[in-house]
Amino acid sequence: DVVDGEIQGLCVLVSDITTLKQADEQIRLSASVFETSLE
């Protein structure tokens, strides 16, 4: 938080991305199966 060039403090935002991570892992797993499948 900068006012007239001076740091007054900071804003902290913490977001839960567990579902996104799990979805990303699932997508990566699916992509891996897709790419490496012998079928």
Full PDB file with SEQRES, HELIX, SHEET, SSBOND, CRYST1, ORIGX, SCALE, CONECT and MASTER records, all heavy atoms in Angstrom:
SEQRES   1 A   39  ASP VAL VAL ASP GLY GLU ILE GLN GLY LEU CYS VAL LEU          
SEQRES   2 A   39  VAL SER ASP ILE THR THR LEU LYS GLN ALA ASP GLU GLN          
SEQRES   3 A   39  ILE ARG LEU SER ALA SER VAL PHE GLU THR SER LEU GLU          
HELIX    1 AA1 THR A   18  THR A   36  1                                  19    
SHEET    1 AA1 2 VAL A   2  VAL A   3  0                                        
SHEET    2 AA1 2 GLU A   6  ILE A   7 -1                                        
CRYST1    1.000    1.000    1.000  90.00  90.00  90.00 P 1           1          
ORIGX1      1.000000  0.000000  0.000000        0.00000                         
ORIGX2      0.000000  1.000000  0.000000        0.00000                         
ORIGX3      0.000000  0.000000  1.000000        0.00000                         
SCALE1      1.000000  0.000000  0.000000        0.00000                         
SCALE2      0.000000  1.000000  0.000000        0.00000                         
SCALE3      0.000000  0.000000  1.000000        0.00000                         
ATOM      1  N   ASP A   1       0.872  -1.185   0.000  1.00  0.00           N  
ATOM      2  CA  ASP A   1       0.000   0.000   0.000  1.00  0.00           C  
ATOM      3  C   ASP A   1       0.902   1.226   0.000  1.00  0.00           C  
ATOM      4  O   ASP A   1       1.536   1.538   1.013  1.00  0.00           O  
ATOM      5  CB  ASP A   1      -0.908  -0.009   1.233  1.00  0.00           C  
ATOM      6  CG  ASP A   1      -1.785   1.232   1.292  1.00  0.00           C  
ATOM      7  OD1 ASP A   1      -2.044   1.820   0.230  1.00  0.00           O  
ATOM      8  OD2 ASP A   1      -2.201   1.597   2.415  1.00  0.00           O  
ATOM      9  N   VAL A   2       0.967   1.882  -1.149  1.00  0.00           N  
ATOM     10  CA  VAL A   2       1.898   3.005  -1.320  1.00  0.00           C  
ATOM     11  C   VAL A   2       1.091   4.301  -1.417  1.00  0.00           C  
ATOM     12  O   VAL A   2       0.201   4.419  -2.266  1.00  0.00           O  
ATOM     13  CB  VAL A   2       2.776   2.826  -2.577  1.00  0.00           C  
ATOM     14  CG1 VAL A   2       3.779   3.970  -2.684  1.00  0.00           C  
ATOM     15  CG2 VAL A   2       3.494   1.474  -2.548  1.00  0.00           C  
ATOM     16  N   VAL A   3       1.393   5.267  -0.536  1.00  0.00           N  
ATOM     17  CA  VAL A   3       0.758   6.588  -0.545  1.00  0.00           C  
ATOM     18  C   VAL A   3       1.850   7.647  -0.623  1.00  0.00           C  
ATOM     19  O   VAL A   3       2.713   7.717   0.271  1.00  0.00           O  
ATOM     20  CB  VAL A   3      -0.107   6.807   0.717  1.00  0.00           C  
ATOM     21  CG1 VAL A   3      -0.726   8.205   0.688  1.00  0.00           C  
ATOM     22  CG2 VAL A   3      -1.192   5.747   0.816  1.00  0.00           C  
ATOM     23  N   ASP A   4       1.815   8.480  -1.676  1.00  0.00           N  
ATOM     24  CA  ASP A   4       2.826   9.528  -1.881  1.00  0.00           C  
ATOM     25  C   ASP A   4       4.241   8.966  -1.783  1.00  0.00           C  
ATOM     26  O   ASP A   4       5.137   9.570  -1.189  1.00  0.00           O  
ATOM     27  CB  ASP A   4       2.641  10.663  -0.857  1.00  0.00           C  
ATOM     28  CG  ASP A   4       1.304  11.368  -0.997  1.00  0.00           C  
ATOM     29  OD1 ASP A   4       0.791  11.400  -2.143  1.00  0.00           O  
ATOM     30  OD2 ASP A   4       0.764  11.855   0.017  1.00  0.00           O  
ATOM     31  N   GLY A   5       4.412   7.772  -2.382  1.00  0.00           N  
ATOM     32  CA  GLY A   5       5.740   7.170  -2.419  1.00  0.00           C  
ATOM     33  C   GLY A   5       6.162   6.486  -1.131  1.00  0.00           C  
ATOM     34  O   GLY A   5       7.262   5.943  -1.060  1.00  0.00           O  
ATOM     35  N   GLU A   6       5.292   6.502  -0.125  1.00  0.00           N  
ATOM     36  CA  GLU A   6       5.629   5.892   1.175  1.00  0.00           C  
ATOM     37  C   GLU A   6       4.829   4.605   1.358  1.00  0.00           C  
ATOM     38  O   GLU A   6       3.633   4.554   1.087  1.00  0.00           O  
ATOM     39  CB  GLU A   6       5.294   6.865   2.304  1.00  0.00           C  
ATOM     40  CG  GLU A   6       6.104   8.153   2.232  1.00  0.00           C  
ATOM     41  CD  GLU A   6       7.215   8.186   3.269  1.00  0.00           C  
ATOM     42  OE1 GLU A   6       7.186   7.363   4.185  1.00  0.00           O  
ATOM     43  OE2 GLU A   6       8.087   9.029   3.126  1.00  0.00           O  
ATOM     44  N   ILE A   7       5.486   3.541   1.826  1.00  0.00           N  
ATOM     45  CA  ILE A   7       4.815   2.271   2.114  1.00  0.00           C  
ATOM     46  C   ILE A   7       4.056   2.400   3.422  1.00  0.00           C  
ATOM     47  O   ILE A   7       4.657   2.619   4.490  1.00  0.00           O  
ATOM     48  CB  ILE A   7       5.831   1.110   2.193  1.00  0.00           C  
ATOM     49  CG1 ILE A   7       6.663   1.023   0.919  1.00  0.00           C  
ATOM     50  CG2 ILE A   7       5.100  -0.203   2.457  1.00  0.00           C  
ATOM     51  CD1 ILE A   7       5.882   0.689  -0.298  1.00  0.00           C  
ATOM     52  N   GLN A   8       2.734   2.275   3.346  1.00  0.00           N  
ATOM     53  CA  GLN A   8       1.909   2.375   4.542  1.00  0.00           C  
ATOM     54  C   GLN A   8       1.643   1.014   5.180  1.00  0.00           C  
ATOM     55  O   GLN A   8       1.409   0.918   6.383  1.00  0.00           O  
ATOM     56  CB  GLN A   8       0.565   3.024   4.181  1.00  0.00           C  
ATOM     57  CG  GLN A   8       0.685   4.382   3.518  1.00  0.00           C  
ATOM     58  CD  GLN A   8       1.378   5.391   4.431  1.00  0.00           C  
ATOM     59  OE1 GLN A   8       1.052   5.491   5.619  1.00  0.00           O  
ATOM     60  NE2 GLN A   8       2.335   6.124   3.880  1.00  0.00           N  
ATOM     61  N   GLY A   9       1.693   0.008   4.391  1.00  0.00           N  
ATOM     62  CA  GLY A   9       1.415  -1.348   4.866  1.00  0.00           C  
ATOM     63  C   GLY A   9       1.250  -2.258   3.669  1.00  0.00           C  
ATOM     64  O   GLY A   9       1.743  -1.962   2.574  1.00  0.00           O  
ATOM     65  N   LEU A  10       0.567  -3.368   3.849  1.00  0.00           N  
ATOM     66  CA  LEU A  10       0.356  -4.289   2.721  1.00  0.00           C  
ATOM     67  C   LEU A  10      -0.990  -4.992   2.858  1.00  0.00           C  
ATOM     68  O   LEU A  10      -1.478  -5.252   3.967  1.00  0.00           O  
ATOM     69  CB  LEU A  10       1.490  -5.308   2.608  1.00  0.00           C  
ATOM     70  CG  LEU A  10       1.816  -6.178   3.822  1.00  0.00           C  
ATOM     71  CD1 LEU A  10       1.033  -7.477   3.743  1.00  0.00           C  
ATOM     72  CD2 LEU A  10       3.304  -6.488   3.875  1.00  0.00           C  
ATOM     73  N   CYS A  11      -1.582  -5.258   1.712  1.00  0.00           N  
ATOM     74  CA  CYS A  11      -2.811  -6.028   1.636  1.00  0.00           C  
ATOM     75  C   CYS A  11      -2.444  -7.495   1.390  1.00  0.00           C  
ATOM     76  O   CYS A  11      -1.584  -7.787   0.549  1.00  0.00           O  
ATOM     77  CB  CYS A  11      -3.688  -5.530   0.502  1.00  0.00           C  
ATOM     78  SG  CYS A  11      -4.260  -3.832   0.701  1.00  0.00           S  
ATOM     79  N   VAL A  12      -3.099  -8.389   2.134  1.00  0.00           N  
ATOM     80  CA  VAL A  12      -2.809  -9.822   2.023  1.00  0.00           C  
ATOM     81  C   VAL A  12      -4.067 -10.536   1.536  1.00  0.00           C  
ATOM     82  O   VAL A  12      -5.126 -10.437   2.152  1.00  0.00           O  
ATOM     83  CB  VAL A  12      -2.360 -10.400   3.368  1.00  0.00           C  
ATOM     84  CG1 VAL A  12      -2.136 -11.912   3.237  1.00  0.00           C  
ATOM     85  CG2 VAL A  12      -1.084  -9.713   3.845  1.00  0.00           C  
ATOM     86  N   LEU A  13      -3.923 -11.232   0.400  1.00  0.00           N  
ATOM     87  CA  LEU A  13      -5.023 -12.024  -0.164  1.00  0.00           C  
ATOM     88  C   LEU A  13      -4.557 -13.474  -0.256  1.00  0.00           C  
ATOM     89  O   LEU A  13      -3.534 -13.766  -0.882  1.00  0.00           O  
ATOM     90  CB  LEU A  13      -5.402 -11.502  -1.549  1.00  0.00           C  
ATOM     91  CG  LEU A  13      -6.383 -12.355  -2.361  1.00  0.00           C  
ATOM     92  CD1 LEU A  13      -7.751 -12.398  -1.682  1.00  0.00           C  
ATOM     93  CD2 LEU A  13      -6.509 -11.829  -3.792  1.00  0.00           C  
ATOM     94  N   VAL A  14      -5.294 -14.376   0.381  1.00  0.00           N  
ATOM     95  CA  VAL A  14      -4.960 -15.801   0.354  1.00  0.00           C  
ATOM     96  C   VAL A  14      -6.149 -16.557  -0.232  1.00  0.00           C  
ATOM     97  O   VAL A  14      -7.255 -16.531   0.338  1.00  0.00           O  
ATOM     98  CB  VAL A  14      -4.632 -16.340   1.755  1.00  0.00           C  
ATOM     99  CG1 VAL A  14      -4.276 -17.822   1.680  1.00  0.00           C  
ATOM    100  CG2 VAL A  14      -3.477 -15.548   2.373  1.00  0.00           C  
ATOM    101  N   SER A  15      -5.954 -17.221  -1.389  1.00  0.00           N  
ATOM    102  CA  SER A  15      -7.032 -17.924  -2.081  1.00  0.00           C  
ATOM    103  C   SER A  15      -6.785 -19.426  -2.055  1.00  0.00           C  
ATOM    104  O   SER A  15      -5.655 -19.893  -2.293  1.00  0.00           O  
ATOM    105  CB  SER A  15      -7.140 -17.455  -3.538  1.00  0.00           C  
ATOM    106  OG  SER A  15      -7.350 -16.050  -3.602  1.00  0.00           O  
ATOM    107  N   ASP A  16      -7.830 -20.188  -1.790  1.00  0.00           N  
ATOM    108  CA  ASP A  16      -7.747 -21.653  -1.798  1.00  0.00           C  
ATOM    109  C   ASP A  16      -7.806 -22.138  -3.245  1.00  0.00           C  
ATOM    110  O   ASP A  16      -8.815 -21.965  -3.933  1.00  0.00           O  
ATOM    111  CB  ASP A  16      -8.911 -22.234  -0.998  1.00  0.00           C  
ATOM    112  CG  ASP A  16      -8.823 -23.755  -0.847  1.00  0.00           C  
ATOM    113  OD1 ASP A  16      -7.941 -24.360  -1.484  1.00  0.00           O  
ATOM    114  OD2 ASP A  16      -9.632 -24.322  -0.092  1.00  0.00           O  
ATOM    115  N   ILE A  17      -6.718 -22.748  -3.711  1.00  0.00           N  
ATOM    116  CA  ILE A  17      -6.669 -23.241  -5.096  1.00  0.00           C  
ATOM    117  C   ILE A  17      -6.556 -24.762  -5.123  1.00  0.00           C  
ATOM    118  O   ILE A  17      -6.108 -25.342  -6.108  1.00  0.00           O  
ATOM    119  CB  ILE A  17      -5.493 -22.605  -5.871  1.00  0.00           C  
ATOM    120  CG1 ILE A  17      -4.153 -22.912  -5.177  1.00  0.00           C  
ATOM    121  CG2 ILE A  17      -5.693 -21.099  -6.017  1.00  0.00           C  
ATOM    122  CD1 ILE A  17      -2.949 -22.489  -5.991  1.00  0.00           C  
ATOM    123  N   THR A  18      -6.992 -25.413  -4.038  1.00  0.00           N  
ATOM    124  CA  THR A  18      -6.887 -26.874  -3.965  1.00  0.00           C  
ATOM    125  C   THR A  18      -7.635 -27.535  -5.106  1.00  0.00           C  
ATOM    126  O   THR A  18      -7.113 -28.433  -5.775  1.00  0.00           O  
ATOM    127  CB  THR A  18      -7.434 -27.378  -2.621  1.00  0.00           C  
ATOM    128  OG1 THR A  18      -6.724 -26.740  -1.552  1.00  0.00           O  
ATOM    129  CG2 THR A  18      -7.276 -28.883  -2.505  1.00  0.00           C  
ATOM    130  N   THR A  19      -8.872 -27.101  -5.357  1.00  0.00           N  
ATOM    131  CA  THR A  19      -9.672 -27.698  -6.428  1.00  0.00           C  
ATOM    132  C   THR A  19      -9.011 -27.481  -7.788  1.00  0.00           C  
ATOM    133  O   THR A  19      -8.980 -28.393  -8.631  1.00  0.00           O  
ATOM    134  CB  THR A  19     -11.081 -27.097  -6.430  1.00  0.00           C  
ATOM    135  OG1 THR A  19     -11.695 -27.323  -5.153  1.00  0.00           O  
ATOM    136  CG2 THR A  19     -11.944 -27.733  -7.503  1.00  0.00           C  
ATOM    137  N   LEU A  20      -8.471 -26.274  -7.978  1.00  0.00           N  
ATOM    138  CA  LEU A  20      -7.777 -26.010  -9.243  1.00  0.00           C  
ATOM    139  C   LEU A  20      -6.551 -26.892  -9.388  1.00  0.00           C  
ATOM    140  O   LEU A  20      -6.250 -27.387 -10.484  1.00  0.00           O  
ATOM    141  CB  LEU A  20      -7.378 -24.529  -9.314  1.00  0.00           C  
ATOM    142  CG  LEU A  20      -8.524 -23.520  -9.420  1.00  0.00           C  
ATOM    143  CD1 LEU A  20      -7.973 -22.096  -9.398  1.00  0.00           C  
ATOM    144  CD2 LEU A  20      -9.329 -23.760 -10.693  1.00  0.00           C  
ATOM    145  N   LYS A  21      -5.827 -27.079  -8.282  1.00  0.00           N  
ATOM    146  CA  LYS A  21      -4.643 -27.933  -8.314  1.00  0.00           C  
ATOM    147  C   LYS A  21      -5.023 -29.374  -8.654  1.00  0.00           C  
ATOM    148  O   LYS A  21      -4.355 -30.033  -9.456  1.00  0.00           O  
ATOM    149  CB  LYS A  21      -3.933 -27.894  -6.949  1.00  0.00           C  
ATOM    150  CG  LYS A  21      -3.013 -26.723  -6.763  1.00  0.00           C  
ATOM    151  CD  LYS A  21      -1.769 -26.879  -7.623  1.00  0.00           C  
ATOM    152  CE  LYS A  21      -0.744 -25.802  -7.334  1.00  0.00           C  
ATOM    153  NZ  LYS A  21       0.454 -25.948  -8.175  1.00  0.00           N  
ATOM    154  N   GLN A  22      -6.090 -29.852  -8.013  1.00  0.00           N  
ATOM    155  CA  GLN A  22      -6.531 -31.213  -8.290  1.00  0.00           C  
ATOM    156  C   GLN A  22      -6.983 -31.354  -9.734  1.00  0.00           C  
ATOM    157  O   GLN A  22      -6.673 -32.361 -10.379  1.00  0.00           O  
ATOM    158  CB  GLN A  22      -7.662 -31.586  -7.328  1.00  0.00           C  
ATOM    159  CG  GLN A  22      -7.219 -31.703  -5.874  1.00  0.00           C  
ATOM    160  CD  GLN A  22      -8.391 -31.870  -4.913  1.00  0.00           C  
ATOM    161  OE1 GLN A  22      -9.535 -31.619  -5.273  1.00  0.00           O  
ATOM    162  NE2 GLN A  22      -8.092 -32.296  -3.689  1.00  0.00           N  
ATOM    163  N   ALA A  23      -7.701 -30.345 -10.223  1.00  0.00           N  
ATOM    164  CA  ALA A  23      -8.124 -30.377 -11.620  1.00  0.00           C  
ATOM    165  C   ALA A  23      -6.923 -30.337 -12.564  1.00  0.00           C  
ATOM    166  O   ALA A  23      -6.879 -31.039 -13.577  1.00  0.00           O  
ATOM    167  CB  ALA A  23      -9.071 -29.214 -11.911  1.00  0.00           C  
ATOM    168  N   ASP A  24      -5.945 -29.513 -12.196  1.00  0.00           N  
ATOM    169  CA  ASP A  24      -4.735 -29.414 -13.013  1.00  0.00           C  
ATOM    170  C   ASP A  24      -3.989 -30.736 -13.026  1.00  0.00           C  
ATOM    171  O   ASP A  24      -3.504 -31.183 -14.077  1.00  0.00           O  
ATOM    172  CB  ASP A  24      -3.845 -28.305 -12.470  1.00  0.00           C  
ATOM    173  CG  ASP A  24      -2.573 -28.135 -13.294  1.00  0.00           C  
ATOM    174  OD1 ASP A  24      -2.679 -27.757 -14.471  1.00  0.00           O  
ATOM    175  OD2 ASP A  24      -1.470 -28.394 -12.753  1.00  0.00           O  
ATOM    176  N   GLU A  25      -3.908 -31.389 -11.870  1.00  0.00           N  
ATOM    177  CA  GLU A  25      -3.235 -32.685 -11.801  1.00  0.00           C  
ATOM    178  C   GLU A  25      -3.992 -33.716 -12.621  1.00  0.00           C  
ATOM    179  O   GLU A  25      -3.381 -34.564 -13.293  1.00  0.00           O  
ATOM    180  CB  GLU A  25      -3.122 -33.135 -10.348  1.00  0.00           C  
ATOM    181  CG  GLU A  25      -2.129 -32.312  -9.529  1.00  0.00           C  
ATOM    182  CD  GLU A  25      -2.113 -32.724  -8.060  1.00  0.00           C  
ATOM    183  OE1 GLU A  25      -2.844 -33.680  -7.714  1.00  0.00           O  
ATOM    184  OE2 GLU A  25      -1.385 -32.095  -7.272  1.00  0.00           O  
ATOM    185  N   GLN A  26      -5.328 -33.651 -12.564  1.00  0.00           N  
ATOM    186  CA  GLN A  26      -6.128 -34.587 -13.343  1.00  0.00           C  
ATOM    187  C   GLN A  26      -5.923 -34.360 -14.840  1.00  0.00           C  
ATOM    188  O   GLN A  26      -5.823 -35.302 -15.617  1.00  0.00           O  
ATOM    189  CB  GLN A  26      -7.610 -34.433 -12.989  1.00  0.00           C  
ATOM    190  CG  GLN A  26      -8.509 -35.480 -13.622  1.00  0.00           C  
ATOM    191  CD  GLN A  26      -8.184 -36.877 -13.157  1.00  0.00           C  
ATOM    192  OE1 GLN A  26      -7.915 -37.097 -11.988  1.00  0.00           O  
ATOM    193  NE2 GLN A  26      -8.183 -37.835 -14.083  1.00  0.00           N  
ATOM    194  N   ILE A  27      -5.863 -33.089 -15.222  1.00  0.00           N  
ATOM    195  CA  ILE A  27      -5.628 -32.763 -16.631  1.00  0.00           C  
ATOM    196  C   ILE A  27      -4.243 -33.244 -17.059  1.00  0.00           C  
ATOM    197  O   ILE A  27      -4.077 -33.815 -18.148  1.00  0.00           O  
ATOM    198  CB  ILE A  27      -5.773 -31.246 -16.857  1.00  0.00           C  
ATOM    199  CG1 ILE A  27      -7.234 -30.822 -16.686  1.00  0.00           C  
ATOM    200  CG2 ILE A  27      -5.257 -30.853 -18.237  1.00  0.00           C  
ATOM    201  CD1 ILE A  27      -7.445 -29.332 -16.725  1.00  0.00           C  
ATOM    202  N   ARG A  28      -3.264 -33.017 -16.192  1.00  0.00           N  
ATOM    203  CA  ARG A  28      -1.900 -33.472 -16.517  1.00  0.00           C  
ATOM    204  C   ARG A  28      -1.849 -34.998 -16.629  1.00  0.00           C  
ATOM    205  O   ARG A  28      -1.182 -35.550 -17.509  1.00  0.00           O  
ATOM    206  CB  ARG A  28      -0.920 -32.992 -15.454  1.00  0.00           C  
ATOM    207  CG  ARG A  28      -0.669 -31.488 -15.473  1.00  0.00           C  
ATOM    208  CD  ARG A  28       0.271 -31.069 -14.348  1.00  0.00           C  
ATOM    209  NE  ARG A  28       0.467 -29.644 -14.325  1.00  0.00           N  
ATOM    210  CZ  ARG A  28       1.415 -29.008 -15.007  1.00  0.00           C  
ATOM    211  NH1 ARG A  28       2.247 -29.714 -15.767  1.00  0.00           N  
ATOM    212  NH2 ARG A  28       1.537 -27.692 -14.935  1.00  0.00           N  
ATOM    213  N   LEU A  29      -2.558 -35.670 -15.698  1.00  0.00           N  
ATOM    214  CA  LEU A  29      -2.588 -37.131 -15.746  1.00  0.00           C  
ATOM    215  C   LEU A  29      -3.255 -37.608 -17.025  1.00  0.00           C  
ATOM    216  O   LEU A  29      -2.751 -38.515 -17.702  1.00  0.00           O  
ATOM    217  CB  LEU A  29      -3.331 -37.672 -14.521  1.00  0.00           C  
ATOM    218  CG  LEU A  29      -3.527 -39.195 -14.461  1.00  0.00           C  
ATOM    219  CD1 LEU A  29      -2.177 -39.896 -14.439  1.00  0.00           C  
ATOM    220  CD2 LEU A  29      -4.351 -39.586 -13.237  1.00  0.00           C  
ATOM    221  N   SER A  30      -4.390 -36.988 -17.354  1.00  0.00           N  
ATOM    222  CA  SER A  30      -5.095 -37.368 -18.581  1.00  0.00           C  
ATOM    223  C   SER A  30      -4.233 -37.116 -19.810  1.00  0.00           C  
ATOM    224  O   SER A  30      -4.186 -37.933 -20.735  1.00  0.00           O  
ATOM    225  CB  SER A  30      -6.411 -36.590 -18.699  1.00  0.00           C  
ATOM    226  OG  SER A  30      -7.262 -36.864 -17.606  1.00  0.00           O  
ATOM    227  N   ALA A  31      -3.536 -35.970 -19.806  1.00  0.00           N  
ATOM    228  CA  ALA A  31      -2.654 -35.644 -20.933  1.00  0.00           C  
ATOM    229  C   ALA A  31      -1.513 -36.652 -21.031  1.00  0.00           C  
ATOM    230  O   ALA A  31      -1.116 -37.057 -22.131  1.00  0.00           O  
ATOM    231  CB  ALA A  31      -2.103 -34.232 -20.774  1.00  0.00           C  
ATOM    232  N   SER A  32      -1.002 -37.070 -19.855  1.00  0.00           N  
ATOM    233  CA  SER A  32       0.081 -38.050 -19.848  1.00  0.00           C  
ATOM    234  C   SER A  32      -0.397 -39.382 -20.413  1.00  0.00           C  
ATOM    235  O   SER A  32       0.296 -40.024 -21.219  1.00  0.00           O  
ATOM    236  CB  SER A  32       0.611 -38.237 -18.422  1.00  0.00           C  
ATOM    237  OG  SER A  32       1.584 -39.256 -18.372  1.00  0.00           O  
ATOM    238  N   VAL A  33      -1.596 -39.809 -19.985  1.00  0.00           N  
ATOM    239  CA  VAL A  33      -2.162 -41.052 -20.506  1.00  0.00           C  
ATOM    240  C   VAL A  33      -2.386 -40.929 -22.003  1.00  0.00           C  
ATOM    241  O   VAL A  33      -2.086 -41.845 -22.782  1.00  0.00           O  
ATOM    242  CB  VAL A  33      -3.487 -41.376 -19.781  1.00  0.00           C  
ATOM    243  CG1 VAL A  33      -4.196 -42.551 -20.454  1.00  0.00           C  
ATOM    244  CG2 VAL A  33      -3.226 -41.688 -18.311  1.00  0.00           C  
ATOM    245  N   PHE A  34      -2.917 -39.795 -22.431  1.00  0.00           N  
ATOM    246  CA  PHE A  34      -3.187 -39.544 -23.846  1.00  0.00           C  
ATOM    247  C   PHE A  34      -1.909 -39.643 -24.674  1.00  0.00           C  
ATOM    248  O   PHE A  34      -1.888 -40.263 -25.742  1.00  0.00           O  
ATOM    249  CB  PHE A  34      -3.816 -38.164 -23.993  1.00  0.00           C  
ATOM    250  CG  PHE A  34      -4.280 -37.838 -25.386  1.00  0.00           C  
ATOM    251  CD1 PHE A  34      -5.509 -38.286 -25.843  1.00  0.00           C  
ATOM    252  CD2 PHE A  34      -3.495 -37.077 -26.236  1.00  0.00           C  
ATOM    253  CE1 PHE A  34      -5.951 -37.977 -27.130  1.00  0.00           C  
ATOM    254  CE2 PHE A  34      -3.912 -36.771 -27.518  1.00  0.00           C  
ATOM    255  CZ  PHE A  34      -5.149 -37.225 -27.971  1.00  0.00           C  
ATOM    256  N   GLU A  35      -0.840 -39.045 -24.156  1.00  0.00           N  
ATOM    257  CA  GLU A  35       0.406 -38.979 -24.917  1.00  0.00           C  
ATOM    258  C   GLU A  35       1.187 -40.284 -24.890  1.00  0.00           C  
ATOM    259  O   GLU A  35       1.861 -40.628 -25.857  1.00  0.00           O  
ATOM    260  CB  GLU A  35       1.286 -37.843 -24.376  1.00  0.00           C  
ATOM    261  CG  GLU A  35       0.738 -36.456 -24.652  1.00  0.00           C  
ATOM    262  CD  GLU A  35       0.687 -36.136 -26.132  1.00  0.00           C  
ATOM    263  OE1 GLU A  35       1.624 -36.538 -26.858  1.00  0.00           O  
ATOM    264  OE2 GLU A  35      -0.279 -35.493 -26.568  1.00  0.00           O  
ATOM    265  N   THR A  36       1.119 -41.023 -23.777  1.00  0.00           N  
ATOM    266  CA  THR A  36       1.976 -42.204 -23.614  1.00  0.00           C  
ATOM    267  C   THR A  36       1.258 -43.518 -23.867  1.00  0.00           C  
ATOM    268  O   THR A  36       1.891 -44.561 -23.889  1.00  0.00           O  
ATOM    269  CB  THR A  36       2.573 -42.241 -22.199  1.00  0.00           C  
ATOM    270  OG1 THR A  36       1.508 -42.321 -21.226  1.00  0.00           O  
ATOM    271  CG2 THR A  36       3.392 -40.989 -21.928  1.00  0.00           C  
ATOM    272  N   SER A  37      -0.062 -43.472 -24.071  1.00  0.00           N  
ATOM    273  CA  SER A  37      -0.811 -44.707 -24.292  1.00  0.00           C  
ATOM    274  C   SER A  37      -0.299 -45.436 -25.530  1.00  0.00           C  
ATOM    275  O   SER A  37       0.006 -44.829 -26.559  1.00  0.00           O  
ATOM    276  CB  SER A  37      -2.301 -44.386 -24.460  1.00  0.00           C  
ATOM    277  OG  SER A  37      -3.012 -45.548 -24.839  1.00  0.00           O  
ATOM    278  N   LEU A  38      -0.199 -46.756 -25.417  1.00  0.00           N  
ATOM    279  CA  LEU A  38       0.195 -47.567 -26.569  1.00  0.00           C  
ATOM    280  C   LEU A  38      -0.986 -47.829 -27.493  1.00  0.00           C  
ATOM    281  O   LEU A  38      -0.808 -48.336 -28.599  1.00  0.00           O  
ATOM    282  CB  LEU A  38       0.776 -48.903 -26.088  1.00  0.00           C  
ATOM    283  CG  LEU A  38       2.058 -48.800 -25.254  1.00  0.00           C  
ATOM    284  CD1 LEU A  38       2.527 -50.186 -24.836  1.00  0.00           C  
ATOM    285  CD2 LEU A  38       3.161 -48.084 -26.028  1.00  0.00           C  
ATOM    286  N   GLU A  39      -2.185 -47.490 -27.037  1.00  0.00           N  
ATOM    287  CA  GLU A  39      -3.371 -47.614 -27.872  1.00  0.00           C  
ATOM    288  C   GLU A  39      -3.645 -46.273 -28.553  1.00  0.00           C  
ATOM    289  O   GLU A  39      -3.436 -45.216 -27.962  1.00  0.00           O  
ATOM    290  CB  GLU A  39      -4.581 -48.024 -27.035  1.00  0.00           C  
ATOM    291  CG  GLU A  39      -4.480 -49.422 -26.459  1.00  0.00           C  
ATOM    292  CD  GLU A  39      -5.736 -49.810 -25.706  1.00  0.00           C  
ATOM    293  OE1 GLU A  39      -6.130 -49.048 -24.798  1.00  0.00           O  
ATOM    294  OE2 GLU A  39      -6.328 -50.852 -26.029  1.00  0.00           O  
TER     295      GLU A  39                                                      
MASTER        0    0    0    1    2    0    0    6  294    1    0    3          
END                                                                             
